[in-house]
Protein backbone atom coordinates (compact mmCIF):
# COMPACT_ATOMS: atom_id res chain seq x y z
CA UNK A 1 28.07 -19.85 36.89
CA UNK A 2 29.71 -17.16 34.87
CA UNK A 3 29.04 -15.43 31.59
CA UNK A 4 30.30 -17.03 28.39
CA UNK A 5 33.88 -16.05 27.67
CA UNK A 6 35.19 -15.03 24.25
CA UNK A 7 37.40 -17.60 22.62
CA UNK A 8 39.70 -16.86 19.70
CA UNK A 9 39.46 -19.87 17.40
CA UNK A 10 40.86 -18.38 14.22
CA UNK A 11 44.14 -16.86 15.35
CA UNK A 12 42.67 -13.47 14.43
CA UNK A 13 42.24 -11.41 17.64
CA UNK A 14 39.34 -9.49 16.05
CA UNK A 15 37.34 -12.67 15.46
CA UNK A 16 35.94 -14.36 18.56
CA UNK A 17 33.33 -17.00 19.34
CA UNK A 18 31.28 -17.10 22.53
CA UNK A 19 31.92 -20.31 24.45
CA UNK A 20 29.33 -21.24 27.03
CA UNK A 21 29.53 -23.80 29.78
CA UNK A 22 27.37 -26.90 29.24
CA UNK A 23 25.90 -28.90 32.11
CA UNK A 24 25.39 -32.66 31.90
CA UNK A 25 22.30 -34.59 33.03
CA UNK A 26 23.90 -35.88 36.24
CA UNK A 27 24.89 -32.36 37.29
CA UNK A 28 21.41 -30.96 36.54
CA UNK A 29 19.86 -33.75 38.64
CA UNK A 30 22.27 -33.05 41.50
CA UNK A 31 21.66 -29.29 41.37
CA UNK A 32 17.89 -29.78 41.44
CA UNK A 33 17.99 -32.76 43.81
CA UNK A 34 15.78 -34.84 41.50
CA UNK A 35 16.13 -38.24 39.90
CA UNK A 36 16.94 -38.73 36.24
CA UNK A 37 13.41 -40.08 35.75
CA UNK A 38 11.85 -36.98 37.32
CA UNK A 39 13.96 -34.78 35.02
CA UNK A 40 12.87 -36.85 32.00
CA UNK A 41 9.19 -36.36 32.98
CA UNK A 42 9.68 -32.59 33.41
CA UNK A 43 11.24 -32.37 29.94
CA UNK A 44 8.46 -34.46 28.38
CA UNK A 45 5.83 -32.27 30.07
CA UNK A 46 7.52 -29.06 28.92
CA UNK A 47 8.37 -28.07 32.50
CA UNK A 48 12.13 -28.05 31.91
CA UNK A 49 14.14 -26.99 28.82
CA UNK A 50 14.98 -29.67 26.28
CA UNK A 51 18.65 -30.58 26.24
CA UNK A 52 21.12 -30.04 23.46
CA UNK A 53 21.97 -33.43 22.00
CA UNK A 54 25.66 -34.02 21.29
CA UNK A 55 25.49 -37.47 19.76
CA UNK A 56 23.55 -39.28 22.44
CA UNK A 57 24.81 -37.03 25.27
CA UNK A 58 22.41 -34.55 26.82
CA UNK A 59 23.71 -31.10 27.78
CA UNK A 60 22.09 -27.86 28.88
CA UNK A 61 23.49 -24.38 28.46
CA UNK A 62 24.34 -22.96 31.89
CA UNK A 63 22.59 -19.72 30.97
CA UNK A 64 19.39 -21.59 30.02
CA UNK A 65 19.44 -23.53 33.31
CA UNK A 66 20.03 -20.30 35.29
CA UNK A 67 17.20 -18.53 33.43
CA UNK A 68 14.82 -21.46 34.12
CA UNK A 69 15.77 -21.44 37.81
CA UNK A 70 15.28 -17.66 38.08
CA UNK A 71 11.83 -17.95 36.47
CA UNK A 72 10.80 -20.59 39.04
CA UNK A 73 11.99 -18.36 41.88
CA UNK A 74 10.01 -15.43 40.46
CA UNK A 75 6.88 -17.58 40.12
CA UNK A 76 7.17 -18.76 43.74
CA UNK A 77 7.65 -15.21 45.01
CA UNK A 78 4.63 -14.01 43.02
CA UNK A 79 2.45 -16.85 44.34
CA UNK A 80 3.43 -16.06 47.93
CA UNK A 81 2.52 -12.39 47.46
CA UNK A 82 -0.90 -13.33 46.09
CA UNK A 83 -1.84 -15.36 49.18
């Protein structure tokens, strides 16, 4: 997943807004190979970032998901080294 891209929303080329990709619940579950219920439990337990709520739709920032995934990989690598 790529970096947020600037988006000119005002017509003024000097004024830009960062637009970031959002990931829906189904996609997060597919990427992690977990059920929706497992994801709900992780969120409730503080083991996964809380979603942004857009009405009653849940979305995660791609950068937040990537950061969470990288932290898990680092934790696993550290645990293996300590054995």
